[in-house]
Amino acid sequence: MSIKITNECVNCGACVIECPNNAIYEEGMEWSYSDGTSLEGILNHRGENINAKEKNEPLSYDFFYIVPEKCTECRGFHDVPQCAAVCPVDCCVKDEKNIESINELNFKKNKLHCE
């Protein structure tokens, strides 16, 4: 499952630089699959080929947020999710609405990093 940021977030930004998938954004900031990568196209969760550079609406206007489609819990990079490890207020927690198996997380990591 992916990680989410709760409303206890103090908007310190410590998590942003730790994310290997560029999945964490400031409140009100648009996101895309290609941010921080060379991705040009990607299959979304419905199997549709989309422009990876296409900007998407922010998921939060109040505090930093994690895009579930890009979060892999740092699989393939670190043993634990780095956002949770560095968060000073422990607001990076498992997202119960986005449960994924280890295989699904690994697949997503490979898809995002063109492996």
Protein backbone atom coordinates (compact mmCIF):
# COMPACT_ATOMS: atom_id res chain seq x y z
CA MET A 1 0.00 0.00 0.00
CA SER A 2 1.12 3.53 -0.47
CA ILE A 3 1.88 6.04 2.24
CA LYS A 4 -0.28 9.10 2.90
CA ILE A 5 0.32 12.32 4.76
CA THR A 6 -2.22 13.17 7.45
CA ASN A 7 -3.55 16.59 8.36
CA GLU A 8 -1.05 16.77 11.23
CA CYS A 9 1.55 17.74 8.59
CA VAL A 10 3.45 20.92 9.49
CA ASN A 11 4.57 21.44 5.86
CA CYS A 12 8.28 21.22 6.74
CA GLY A 13 9.18 19.50 3.45
CA ALA A 14 11.62 17.01 5.01
CA CYS A 15 9.91 14.15 3.19
CA VAL A 16 10.07 15.63 -0.31
CA ILE A 17 13.80 15.20 -0.93
CA GLU A 18 13.75 11.67 0.48
CA CYS A 19 11.21 10.26 -1.99
CA PRO A 20 12.90 8.22 -4.76
CA ASN A 21 9.72 8.40 -6.88
CA ASN A 22 9.10 12.14 -6.69
CA ALA A 23 5.65 11.29 -5.32
CA ILE A 24 5.44 14.02 -2.66
CA TYR A 25 4.15 17.48 -3.45
CA GLU A 26 3.52 20.75 -1.65
CA GLU A 27 -0.06 21.66 -0.93
CA GLY A 28 -1.80 23.07 -3.99
CA MET A 29 0.91 21.92 -6.41
CA GLU A 30 -0.07 20.07 -9.60
CA TRP A 31 1.63 16.71 -10.18
CA SER A 32 2.60 14.48 -13.10
CA TYR A 33 4.05 11.01 -13.49
CA SER A 34 7.12 12.42 -15.22
CA ASP A 35 8.16 14.86 -12.48
CA GLY A 36 11.80 14.15 -11.73
CA THR A 37 12.04 11.42 -14.40
CA SER A 38 12.42 11.01 -18.14
CA LEU A 39 9.03 9.29 -18.52
CA GLU A 40 7.04 10.32 -21.57
CA GLY A 41 4.14 7.89 -21.45
CA ILE A 42 2.76 5.47 -18.91
CA LEU A 43 -0.13 3.05 -18.49
CA ASN A 44 -2.42 4.23 -15.72
CA HIS A 45 -4.24 1.94 -13.28
CA ARG A 46 -7.03 1.43 -15.86
CA GLY A 47 -4.56 0.25 -18.52
CA GLU A 48 -4.85 3.46 -20.52
CA ASN A 49 -1.73 4.95 -22.11
CA ILE A 50 -1.39 8.53 -20.91
CA ASN A 51 1.03 11.39 -21.37
CA ALA A 52 3.30 11.18 -18.32
CA LYS A 53 3.97 14.92 -18.55
CA GLU A 54 0.28 15.78 -18.23
CA LYS A 55 -0.38 17.87 -15.13
CA ASN A 56 -2.95 16.60 -12.64
CA GLU A 57 -4.96 18.43 -10.01
CA PRO A 58 -3.42 18.69 -6.54
CA LEU A 59 -4.63 16.08 -4.06
CA SER A 60 -4.46 18.57 -1.17
CA TYR A 61 -4.64 22.32 -0.82
CA ASP A 62 -3.92 22.26 2.92
CA PHE A 63 -0.75 20.20 3.46
CA PHE A 64 1.88 18.19 1.58
CA TYR A 65 0.51 15.09 -0.14
CA ILE A 66 1.70 11.81 -1.66
CA VAL A 67 0.40 10.64 -5.05
CA PRO A 68 -0.66 6.99 -4.48
CA GLU A 69 -0.01 6.11 -8.14
CA LYS A 70 3.66 7.03 -7.65
CA CYS A 71 4.30 5.76 -4.11
CA THR A 72 6.04 2.40 -3.82
CA GLU A 73 6.88 2.58 -0.09
CA CYS A 74 10.48 3.05 -1.34
CA ARG A 75 10.57 -0.58 -2.58
CA GLY A 76 13.76 -1.23 -4.51
CA PHE A 77 15.48 1.77 -2.94
CA HIS A 78 15.22 1.53 0.86
CA ASP A 79 14.09 -0.96 3.49
CA VAL A 80 11.50 1.42 4.94
CA PRO A 81 9.51 4.36 3.56
CA GLN A 82 11.85 7.31 3.86
CA CYS A 83 9.09 9.91 4.24
CA ALA A 84 7.94 8.21 7.44
CA ALA A 85 11.51 7.80 8.65
CA VAL A 86 12.27 11.54 8.45
CA CYS A 87 8.89 13.02 9.37
CA PRO A 88 9.26 15.02 12.61
CA VAL A 89 5.56 14.71 13.48
CA ASP A 90 4.94 11.11 12.32
CA CYS A 91 2.22 12.08 9.84
CA CYS A 92 3.42 9.78 7.02
CA VAL A 93 1.38 6.63 7.56
CA LYS A 94 0.13 3.65 5.56
CA ASP A 95 -2.80 4.52 3.32
CA GLU A 96 -5.47 1.92 4.06
CA LYS A 97 -7.40 3.05 0.94
CA ASN A 98 -4.52 2.06 -1.35
CA ILE A 99 -3.53 -1.48 -0.43
CA GLU A 100 -1.02 -3.13 -2.82
CA SER A 101 1.00 -6.32 -2.69
CA ILE A 102 4.80 -6.34 -2.76
CA ASN A 103 4.61 -7.52 -6.38
CA GLU A 104 2.35 -4.61 -7.29
CA LEU A 105 4.69 -2.12 -5.58
CA ASN A 106 7.69 -3.61 -7.39
CA PHE A 107 5.84 -3.46 -10.72
CA LYS A 108 4.94 0.18 -10.12
CA LYS A 109 8.56 1.01 -9.22
CA ASN A 110 9.82 -0.62 -12.42
CA LYS A 111 7.16 1.15 -14.49
CA LEU A 112 8.03 4.57 -13.02
CA HIS A 113 11.75 4.05 -13.51
CA CYS A 114 11.53 2.38 -16.95
CA GLU A 115 13.22 -0.85 -15.89
